[in-house]
Amino acid sequence: MTGTVYLVGAGPGAADLLTLRAARLLAAADIVLHDALVDPETLAMAVNARLLNVGKRAHRPSTDQSFINRLLVRSAQRHKIVVRLKGGDPMLFGRAQEEIEACRAANVPVEVVPGVSAGFAAAAEIMASLTHRKVARSVAFVTPAVAKGLDGDEAWANAAAAADSAVVYMGKREAARVRDALIARGVPATRPAVLVESASLGNGRALGGVLAELDQLADAAGDGPALLLIGDAFARAAAEHRLNLETETKAAAS
């Protein structure tokens, strides 16, 4: 038999932010290959499925992408409904294209079910529009992270510097690099910046400041998944969530 592989967006975390289509597929799935940060409540919807954690975490042991690709094909040869459950939206920094191409090469049917991206959840968490009228007419979704074995470059920073609002994924550990790259491209060091951690999960947290303080915001953050929001559209949120960075950094280190 040849089943269908569904690349499903798990959303930013909260189970009730899943789309109805995603929930229906989880309920019907035979096997679910899921990312590491998918909420247990979301996984619980897959009542009849075998669950396999194939997640990737930055700077931690992770499942090799080529192995995931092969596993998807093998799963479709044994099961009718294969769900590849990805955090956020599969088509945004989710390596979806590699998995789509692997399925196509093996003549395995594949479909994509969109999800709520973490960038949208982060903006919602701090009640700040990414495209605040008269302030932001462009948004860049970027990441300084690169695939294993590839040389890093700063091309992502060109897009982030040119946009009115920049949403930086997988950038907490690279906060100093993000700061330096944007300032080197003419972004004012005083541009508002907010680090949003664990958006949508009920224990979300925001740390506000300016671009020059981005590394301090990252140092003060916890271990939850985080995004960096940079731009004048976040000025109010940055002020509302501004904390004593020296105190917060010491608390995080203790």
C-alpha atoms as a PDB file:
ATOM      1  CA  MET A   1       0.000   0.000   0.000  1.00  0.00           C
ATOM      2  CA  THR A   2       0.996   3.613  -0.400  1.00  0.00           C
ATOM      3  CA  GLY A   3      -0.502   6.022   2.070  1.00  0.00           C
ATOM      4  CA  THR A   4      -0.434   9.799   2.088  1.00  0.00           C
ATOM      5  CA  VAL A   5       2.021  11.954   3.997  1.00  0.00           C
ATOM      6  CA  TYR A   6       0.492  15.087   5.488  1.00  0.00           C
ATOM      7  CA  LEU A   7       2.848  17.870   6.552  1.00  0.00           C
ATOM      8  CA  VAL A   8       0.763  19.438   9.296  1.00  0.00           C
ATOM      9  CA  GLY A   9       1.361  22.697  11.111  1.00  0.00           C
ATOM     10  CA  ALA A  10       1.094  22.221  14.880  1.00  0.00           C
ATOM     11  CA  GLY A  11       0.959  25.968  15.425  1.00  0.00           C
ATOM     12  CA  PRO A  12       3.008  27.905  17.987  1.00  0.00           C
ATOM     13  CA  GLY A  13       2.261  25.601  20.901  1.00  0.00           C
ATOM     14  CA  ALA A  14      -1.248  25.848  22.304  1.00  0.00           C
ATOM     15  CA  ALA A  15      -3.356  22.877  21.221  1.00  0.00           C
ATOM     16  CA  ASP A  16      -6.454  24.994  20.635  1.00  0.00           C
ATOM     17  CA  LEU A  17      -4.655  26.956  17.929  1.00  0.00           C
ATOM     18  CA  LEU A  18      -4.607  23.934  15.630  1.00  0.00           C
ATOM     19  CA  THR A  19      -6.708  24.163  12.487  1.00  0.00           C
ATOM     20  CA  LEU A  20      -9.759  21.916  12.248  1.00  0.00           C
ATOM     21  CA  ARG A  21      -8.148  20.020   9.379  1.00  0.00           C
ATOM     22  CA  ALA A  22      -5.052  19.358  11.467  1.00  0.00           C
ATOM     23  CA  ALA A  23      -7.159  18.048  14.350  1.00  0.00           C
ATOM     24  CA  ARG A  24      -9.118  15.730  12.042  1.00  0.00           C
ATOM     25  CA  LEU A  25      -5.937  14.316  10.537  1.00  0.00           C
ATOM     26  CA  LEU A  26      -4.403  13.682  13.941  1.00  0.00           C
ATOM     27  CA  ALA A  27      -7.517  11.822  15.032  1.00  0.00           C
ATOM     28  CA  ALA A  28      -7.340   9.621  11.922  1.00  0.00           C
ATOM     29  CA  ALA A  29      -3.562   9.185  11.753  1.00  0.00           C
ATOM     30  CA  ASP A  30      -1.878   5.794  11.847  1.00  0.00           C
ATOM     31  CA  ILE A  31       1.532   7.237  12.671  1.00  0.00           C
ATOM     32  CA  VAL A  32       2.706  10.723  13.688  1.00  0.00           C
ATOM     33  CA  LEU A  33       6.278  11.922  13.285  1.00  0.00           C
ATOM     34  CA  HIS A  34       6.434  15.040  15.414  1.00  0.00           C
ATOM     35  CA  ASP A  35       8.778  17.860  16.306  1.00  0.00           C
ATOM     36  CA  ALA A  36      10.302  18.048  19.789  1.00  0.00           C
ATOM     37  CA  LEU A  37       8.318  21.043  21.017  1.00  0.00           C
ATOM     38  CA  VAL A  38       4.813  19.906  20.077  1.00  0.00           C
ATOM     39  CA  ASP A  39       2.487  20.266  23.057  1.00  0.00           C
ATOM     40  CA  PRO A  40       1.429  16.977  24.743  1.00  0.00           C
ATOM     41  CA  GLU A  41      -2.222  18.050  24.435  1.00  0.00           C
ATOM     42  CA  THR A  42      -1.784  18.206  20.679  1.00  0.00           C
ATOM     43  CA  LEU A  43      -0.186  14.766  20.551  1.00  0.00           C
ATOM     44  CA  ALA A  44      -3.043  13.395  22.649  1.00  0.00           C
ATOM     45  CA  MET A  45      -5.371  14.085  19.723  1.00  0.00           C
ATOM     46  CA  ALA A  46      -3.659  11.271  17.807  1.00  0.00           C
ATOM     47  CA  VAL A  47      -5.622   8.658  19.743  1.00  0.00           C
ATOM     48  CA  ASN A  48      -4.862   5.692  17.470  1.00  0.00           C
ATOM     49  CA  ALA A  49      -1.438   6.622  16.165  1.00  0.00           C
ATOM     50  CA  ARG A  50       2.081   5.558  16.886  1.00  0.00           C
ATOM     51  CA  LEU A  51       4.053   8.597  17.984  1.00  0.00           C
ATOM     52  CA  LEU A  52       7.667   9.146  16.930  1.00  0.00           C
ATOM     53  CA  ASN A  53       9.688  12.118  18.154  1.00  0.00           C
ATOM     54  CA  VAL A  54      11.937  13.220  15.295  1.00  0.00           C
ATOM     55  CA  GLY A  55      12.454  16.726  16.592  1.00  0.00           C
ATOM     56  CA  LYS A  56      15.384  19.047  16.146  1.00  0.00           C
ATOM     57  CA  ARG A  57      16.628  21.403  18.864  1.00  0.00           C
ATOM     58  CA  ALA A  58      19.356  23.931  18.271  1.00  0.00           C
ATOM     59  CA  HIS A  59      22.725  22.942  19.769  1.00  0.00           C
ATOM     60  CA  ARG A  60      21.254  19.637  20.995  1.00  0.00           C
ATOM     61  CA  PRO A  61      21.269  16.080  19.613  1.00  0.00           C
ATOM     62  CA  SER A  62      18.757  16.001  16.742  1.00  0.00           C
ATOM     63  CA  THR A  63      17.335  13.560  14.234  1.00  0.00           C
ATOM     64  CA  ASP A  64      19.101  13.744  10.890  1.00  0.00           C
ATOM     65  CA  GLN A  65      16.904  15.175   8.146  1.00  0.00           C
ATOM     66  CA  SER A  66      17.803  12.492   5.620  1.00  0.00           C
ATOM     67  CA  PHE A  67      16.681   9.837   8.122  1.00  0.00           C
ATOM     68  CA  ILE A  68      13.354  11.647   8.585  1.00  0.00           C
ATOM     69  CA  ASN A  69      12.884  11.718   4.823  1.00  0.00           C
ATOM     70  CA  ARG A  70      13.442   7.970   4.553  1.00  0.00           C
ATOM     71  CA  LEU A  71      11.197   7.305   7.533  1.00  0.00           C
ATOM     72  CA  LEU A  72       8.344   9.258   5.958  1.00  0.00           C
ATOM     73  CA  VAL A  73       8.567   7.180   2.789  1.00  0.00           C
ATOM     74  CA  ARG A  74       8.734   3.892   4.695  1.00  0.00           C
ATOM     75  CA  SER A  75       5.815   4.928   6.884  1.00  0.00           C
ATOM     76  CA  ALA A  76       3.684   5.695   3.836  1.00  0.00           C
ATOM     77  CA  GLN A  77       4.445   2.225   2.483  1.00  0.00           C
ATOM     78  CA  ARG A  78       2.982   0.710   5.639  1.00  0.00           C
ATOM     79  CA  HIS A  79       0.278   3.127   6.750  1.00  0.00           C
ATOM     80  CA  LYS A  80      -2.635   4.951   5.146  1.00  0.00           C
ATOM     81  CA  ILE A  81      -2.367   8.278   6.980  1.00  0.00           C
ATOM     82  CA  VAL A  82       1.082   9.546   7.939  1.00  0.00           C
ATOM     83  CA  VAL A  83       1.216  12.871   9.755  1.00  0.00           C
ATOM     84  CA  ARG A  84       4.465  14.827   9.890  1.00  0.00           C
ATOM     85  CA  LEU A  85       3.621  17.275  12.670  1.00  0.00           C
ATOM     86  CA  LYS A  86       5.722  20.424  12.553  1.00  0.00           C
ATOM     87  CA  GLY A  87       5.814  23.368  14.922  1.00  0.00           C
ATOM     88  CA  GLY A  88       4.292  26.560  13.577  1.00  0.00           C
ATOM     89  CA  ASP A  89       3.702  26.421   9.835  1.00  0.00           C
ATOM     90  CA  PRO A  90       5.427  23.667   7.820  1.00  0.00           C
ATOM     91  CA  MET A  91       6.397  26.044   5.019  1.00  0.00           C
ATOM     92  CA  LEU A  92       8.279  28.545   7.187  1.00  0.00           C
ATOM     93  CA  PHE A  93      11.682  27.331   8.421  1.00  0.00           C
ATOM     94  CA  GLY A  94      10.242  23.828   8.697  1.00  0.00           C
ATOM     95  CA  ARG A  95      12.379  21.985   6.098  1.00  0.00           C
ATOM     96  CA  ALA A  96       9.144  21.088   4.359  1.00  0.00           C
ATOM     97  CA  GLN A  97      10.611  21.269   0.866  1.00  0.00           C
ATOM     98  CA  GLU A  98      13.120  18.522   1.572  1.00  0.00           C
ATOM     99  CA  GLU A  99      10.373  16.226   2.835  1.00  0.00           C
ATOM    100  CA  ILE A 100       8.059  17.072  -0.065  1.00  0.00           C
ATOM    101  CA  GLU A 101      10.791  16.259  -2.571  1.00  0.00           C
ATOM    102  CA  ALA A 102      11.627  12.990  -0.816  1.00  0.00           C
ATOM    103  CA  CYS A 103       7.987  11.891  -1.005  1.00  0.00           C
ATOM    104  CA  ARG A 104       7.645  12.910  -4.636  1.00  0.00           C
ATOM    105  CA  ALA A 105      10.815  11.053  -5.569  1.00  0.00           C
ATOM    106  CA  ALA A 106       9.312   7.902  -4.059  1.00  0.00           C
ATOM    107  CA  ASN A 107       5.889   8.504  -5.677  1.00  0.00           C
ATOM    108  CA  VAL A 108       4.306   8.974  -2.259  1.00  0.00           C
ATOM    109  CA  PRO A 109       1.319  11.370  -2.200  1.00  0.00           C
ATOM    110  CA  VAL A 110       1.994  14.374   0.001  1.00  0.00           C
ATOM    111  CA  GLU A 111      -0.174  17.264   1.168  1.00  0.00           C
ATOM    112  CA  VAL A 112       0.469  20.339   3.308  1.00  0.00           C
ATOM    113  CA  VAL A 113      -1.814  21.610   6.073  1.00  0.00           C
ATOM    114  CA  PRO A 114      -0.872  25.166   7.133  1.00  0.00           C
ATOM    115  CA  GLY A 115      -0.492  26.190  10.753  1.00  0.00           C
ATOM    116  CA  VAL A 116      -0.211  29.361  12.802  1.00  0.00           C
ATOM    117  CA  SER A 117       3.404  30.494  12.692  1.00  0.00           C
ATOM    118  CA  ALA A 118       5.185  31.334  15.932  1.00  0.00           C
ATOM    119  CA  GLY A 119       5.849  34.823  14.568  1.00  0.00           C
ATOM    120  CA  PHE A 120       2.138  35.596  14.519  1.00  0.00           C
ATOM    121  CA  ALA A 121       1.686  34.127  17.994  1.00  0.00           C
ATOM    122  CA  ALA A 122       4.546  36.264  19.326  1.00  0.00           C
ATOM    123  CA  ALA A 123       2.972  39.420  17.923  1.00  0.00           C
ATOM    124  CA  ALA A 124      -0.350  38.412  19.455  1.00  0.00           C
ATOM    125  CA  GLU A 125       1.319  37.717  22.797  1.00  0.00           C
ATOM    126  CA  ILE A 126       2.558  41.311  23.074  1.00  0.00           C
ATOM    127  CA  MET A 127      -0.490  42.812  21.320  1.00  0.00           C
ATOM    128  CA  ALA A 128       1.651  44.459  18.648  1.00  0.00           C
ATOM    129  CA  SER A 129       0.744  44.394  14.969  1.00  0.00           C
ATOM    130  CA  LEU A 130       3.563  43.380  12.654  1.00  0.00           C
ATOM    131  CA  THR A 131       2.225  45.922  10.172  1.00  0.00           C
ATOM    132  CA  HIS A 132       1.204  48.800  12.411  1.00  0.00           C
ATOM    133  CA  ARG A 133      -0.347  51.484  10.232  1.00  0.00           C
ATOM    134  CA  LYS A 134       1.988  54.320   9.196  1.00  0.00           C
ATOM    135  CA  VAL A 135       4.900  52.560  10.878  1.00  0.00           C
ATOM    136  CA  ALA A 136       5.388  49.192   9.189  1.00  0.00           C
ATOM    137  CA  ARG A 137       4.501  48.253   5.628  1.00  0.00           C
ATOM    138  CA  SER A 138       6.942  45.374   5.267  1.00  0.00           C
ATOM    139  CA  VAL A 139       7.828  42.323   7.353  1.00  0.00           C
ATOM    140  CA  ALA A 140      10.826  40.011   7.069  1.00  0.00           C
ATOM    141  CA  PHE A 141      10.844  36.515   8.557  1.00  0.00           C
ATOM    142  CA  VAL A 142      14.492  35.520   8.897  1.00  0.00           C
ATOM    143  CA  THR A 143      16.809  33.157  10.717  1.00  0.00           C
ATOM    144  CA  PRO A 144      20.588  33.251  11.213  1.00  0.00           C
ATOM    145  CA  ALA A 145      20.595  29.454  11.558  1.00  0.00           C
ATOM    146  CA  VAL A 146      21.913  27.298   8.718  1.00  0.00           C
ATOM    147  CA  ALA A 147      21.732  23.600   7.968  1.00  0.00           C
ATOM    148  CA  LYS A 148      24.422  21.365   9.424  1.00  0.00           C
ATOM    149  CA  GLY A 149      27.528  21.340   7.283  1.00  0.00           C
ATOM    150  CA  LEU A 150      26.806  24.646   5.550  1.00  0.00           C
ATOM    151  CA  ASP A 151      28.762  27.837   6.051  1.00  0.00           C
ATOM    152  CA  GLY A 152      26.838  30.652   7.671  1.00  0.00           C
ATOM    153  CA  ASP A 153      26.499  34.010   6.000  1.00  0.00           C
ATOM    154  CA  GLU A 154      24.737  37.239   6.812  1.00  0.00           C
ATOM    155  CA  ALA A 155      22.426  37.448   3.787  1.00  0.00           C
ATOM    156  CA  TRP A 156      19.445  37.068   6.098  1.00  0.00           C
ATOM    157  CA  ALA A 157      20.453  40.346   7.763  1.00  0.00           C
ATOM    158  CA  ASN A 158      20.018  42.266   4.503  1.00  0.00           C
ATOM    159  CA  ALA A 159      16.323  41.361   4.434  1.00  0.00           C
ATOM    160  CA  ALA A 160      15.874  42.056   8.146  1.00  0.00           C
ATOM    161  CA  ALA A 161      17.555  45.458   7.872  1.00  0.00           C
ATOM    162  CA  ALA A 162      15.472  46.456   4.843  1.00  0.00           C
ATOM    163  CA  ALA A 163      12.118  45.546   6.418  1.00  0.00           C
ATOM    164  CA  ASP A 164      10.113  47.747   8.764  1.00  0.00           C
ATOM    165  CA  SER A 165       9.457  44.779  11.055  1.00  0.00           C
ATOM    166  CA  ALA A 166      11.864  41.866  11.461  1.00  0.00           C
ATOM    167  CA  VAL A 167      10.883  38.549  13.027  1.00  0.00           C
ATOM    168  CA  VAL A 168      13.967  36.481  13.834  1.00  0.00           C
ATOM    169  CA  TYR A 169      13.485  32.746  14.298  1.00  0.00           C
ATOM    170  CA  MET A 170      16.070  30.606  16.113  1.00  0.00           C
ATOM    171  CA  GLY A 171      17.939  33.733  17.051  1.00  0.00           C
ATOM    172  CA  LYS A 172      18.086  33.711  20.846  1.00  0.00           C
ATOM    173  CA  ARG A 173      21.505  32.053  20.997  1.00  0.00           C
ATOM    174  CA  GLU A 174      22.667  34.303  18.157  1.00  0.00           C
ATOM    175  CA  ALA A 175      21.364  37.547  19.662  1.00  0.00           C
ATOM    176  CA  ALA A 176      24.732  39.312  19.701  1.00  0.00           C
ATOM    177  CA  ARG A 177      25.331  38.282  16.094  1.00  0.00           C
ATOM    178  CA  VAL A 178      21.869  39.528  15.092  1.00  0.00           C
ATOM    179  CA  ARG A 179      22.499  42.840  16.849  1.00  0.00           C
ATOM    180  CA  ASP A 180      25.890  43.377  15.226  1.00  0.00           C
ATOM    181  CA  ALA A 181      24.723  42.359  11.749  1.00  0.00           C
ATOM    182  CA  LEU A 182      21.766  44.743  11.786  1.00  0.00           C
ATOM    183  CA  ILE A 183      23.680  47.679  13.241  1.00  0.00           C
ATOM    184  CA  ALA A 184      26.397  47.120  10.614  1.00  0.00           C
ATOM    185  CA  ARG A 185      23.688  47.525   7.970  1.00  0.00           C
ATOM    186  CA  GLY A 186      22.525  50.850   9.310  1.00  0.00           C
ATOM    187  CA  VAL A 187      19.701  49.819  11.620  1.00  0.00           C
ATOM    188  CA  PRO A 188      19.658  52.249  14.556  1.00  0.00           C
ATOM    189  CA  ALA A 189      20.880  50.749  17.815  1.00  0.00           C
ATOM    190  CA  THR A 190      17.878  52.389  19.472  1.00  0.00           C
ATOM    191  CA  ARG A 191      15.297  50.545  17.357  1.00  0.00           C
ATOM    192  CA  PRO A 192      12.742  48.816  19.623  1.00  0.00           C
ATOM    193  CA  ALA A 193      13.237  45.109  20.191  1.00  0.00           C
ATOM    194  CA  VAL A 194      11.231  42.485  22.048  1.00  0.00           C
ATOM    195  CA  LEU A 195      12.129  38.901  22.862  1.00  0.00           C
ATOM    196  CA  VAL A 196       8.984  36.790  23.182  1.00  0.00           C
ATOM    197  CA  GLU A 197       9.298  33.430  24.892  1.00  0.00           C
ATOM    198  CA  SER A 198       6.792  30.532  24.910  1.00  0.00           C
ATOM    199  CA  ALA A 199       4.147  32.472  22.985  1.00  0.00           C
ATOM    200  CA  SER A 200       0.596  31.061  23.226  1.00  0.00           C
ATOM    201  CA  LEU A 201       1.447  28.530  25.945  1.00  0.00           C
ATOM    202  CA  GLY A 202      -0.071  30.422  28.862  1.00  0.00           C
ATOM    203  CA  ASN A 203       3.314  31.034  30.453  1.00  0.00           C
ATOM    204  CA  GLY A 204       4.499  33.372  27.714  1.00  0.00           C
ATOM    205  CA  ARG A 205       6.972  36.070  28.624  1.00  0.00           C
ATOM    206  CA  ALA A 206       8.252  39.181  26.898  1.00  0.00           C
ATOM    207  CA  LEU A 207      11.441  41.162  27.460  1.00  0.00           C
ATOM    208  CA  GLY A 208      11.609  44.593  25.882  1.00  0.00           C
ATOM    209  CA  GLY A 209      14.438  46.936  25.070  1.00  0.00           C
ATOM    210  CA  VAL A 210      16.311  48.213  22.044  1.00  0.00           C
ATOM    211  CA  LEU A 211      18.456  46.561  19.401  1.00  0.00           C
ATOM    212  CA  ALA A 212      21.697  47.401  21.231  1.00  0.00           C
ATOM    213  CA  GLU A 213      20.428  45.392  24.214  1.00  0.00           C
ATOM    214  CA  LEU A 214      19.404  42.314  22.241  1.00  0.00           C
ATOM    215  CA  ASP A 215      22.080  40.079  23.753  1.00  0.00           C
ATOM    216  CA  GLN A 216      21.047  41.164  27.253  1.00  0.00           C
ATOM    217  CA  LEU A 217      17.437  40.298  26.508  1.00  0.00           C
ATOM    218  CA  ALA A 218      18.548  36.840  25.390  1.00  0.00           C
ATOM    219  CA  ASP A 219      20.687  36.366  28.506  1.00  0.00           C
ATOM    220  CA  ALA A 220      17.689  37.219  30.685  1.00  0.00           C
ATOM    221  CA  ALA A 221      15.384  34.764  28.908  1.00  0.00           C
ATOM    222  CA  GLY A 222      14.625  31.236  30.058  1.00  0.00           C
ATOM    223  CA  ASP A 223      14.785  27.946  28.173  1.00  0.00           C
ATOM    224  CA  GLY A 224      11.486  28.243  26.285  1.00  0.00           C
ATOM    225  CA  PRO A 225      11.280  28.722  22.505  1.00  0.00           C
ATOM    226  CA  ALA A 226      11.782  32.385  21.694  1.00  0.00           C
ATOM    227  CA  LEU A 227      11.562  34.850  18.822  1.00  0.00           C
ATOM    228  CA  LEU A 228      13.093  38.280  18.378  1.00  0.00           C
ATOM    229  CA  LEU A 229      10.855  41.088  17.114  1.00  0.00           C
ATOM    230  CA  ILE A 230      12.655  44.215  15.933  1.00  0.00           C
ATOM    231  CA  GLY A 231      11.090  47.395  14.575  1.00  0.00           C
ATOM    232  CA  ASP A 232       9.247  50.596  15.393  1.00  0.00           C
ATOM    233  CA  ALA A 233       5.952  48.694  15.333  1.00  0.00           C
ATOM    234  CA  PHE A 234       7.028  47.174  18.645  1.00  0.00           C
ATOM    235  CA  ALA A 235       7.881  50.437  20.403  1.00  0.00           C
ATOM    236  CA  ARG A 236       4.909  50.361  22.747  1.00  0.00           C
ATOM    237  CA  ALA A 237       5.369  46.692  23.581  1.00  0.00           C
ATOM    238  CA  ALA A 238       9.090  47.205  24.178  1.00  0.00           C
ATOM    239  CA  ALA A 239       8.311  49.977  26.645  1.00  0.00           C
ATOM    240  CA  GLU A 240       5.536  48.010  28.365  1.00  0.00           C
ATOM    241  CA  HIS A 241       7.734  44.956  28.818  1.00  0.00           C
ATOM    242  CA  ARG A 242      10.966  46.761  29.545  1.00  0.00           C
ATOM    243  CA  LEU A 243      12.635  45.349  32.635  1.00  0.00           C
ATOM    244  CA  ASN A 244      15.735  45.993  34.631  1.00  0.00           C
ATOM    245  CA  LEU A 245      18.052  43.999  32.397  1.00  0.00           C
ATOM    246  CA  GLU A 246      20.859  43.799  34.923  1.00  0.00           C
ATOM    247  CA  THR A 247      18.525  42.317  37.554  1.00  0.00           C
ATOM    248  CA  GLU A 248      16.933  39.911  35.070  1.00  0.00           C
ATOM    249  CA  THR A 249      20.279  38.682  33.769  1.00  0.00           C
ATOM    250  CA  LYS A 250      21.491  37.928  37.270  1.00  0.00           C
ATOM    251  CA  ALA A 251      18.248  36.127  38.081  1.00  0.00           C
ATOM    252  CA  ALA A 252      18.473  33.984  34.945  1.00  0.00           C
ATOM    253  CA  ALA A 253      22.048  33.015  35.768  1.00  0.00           C
ATOM    254  CA  SER A 254      21.274  32.013  39.368  1.00  0.00           C
END
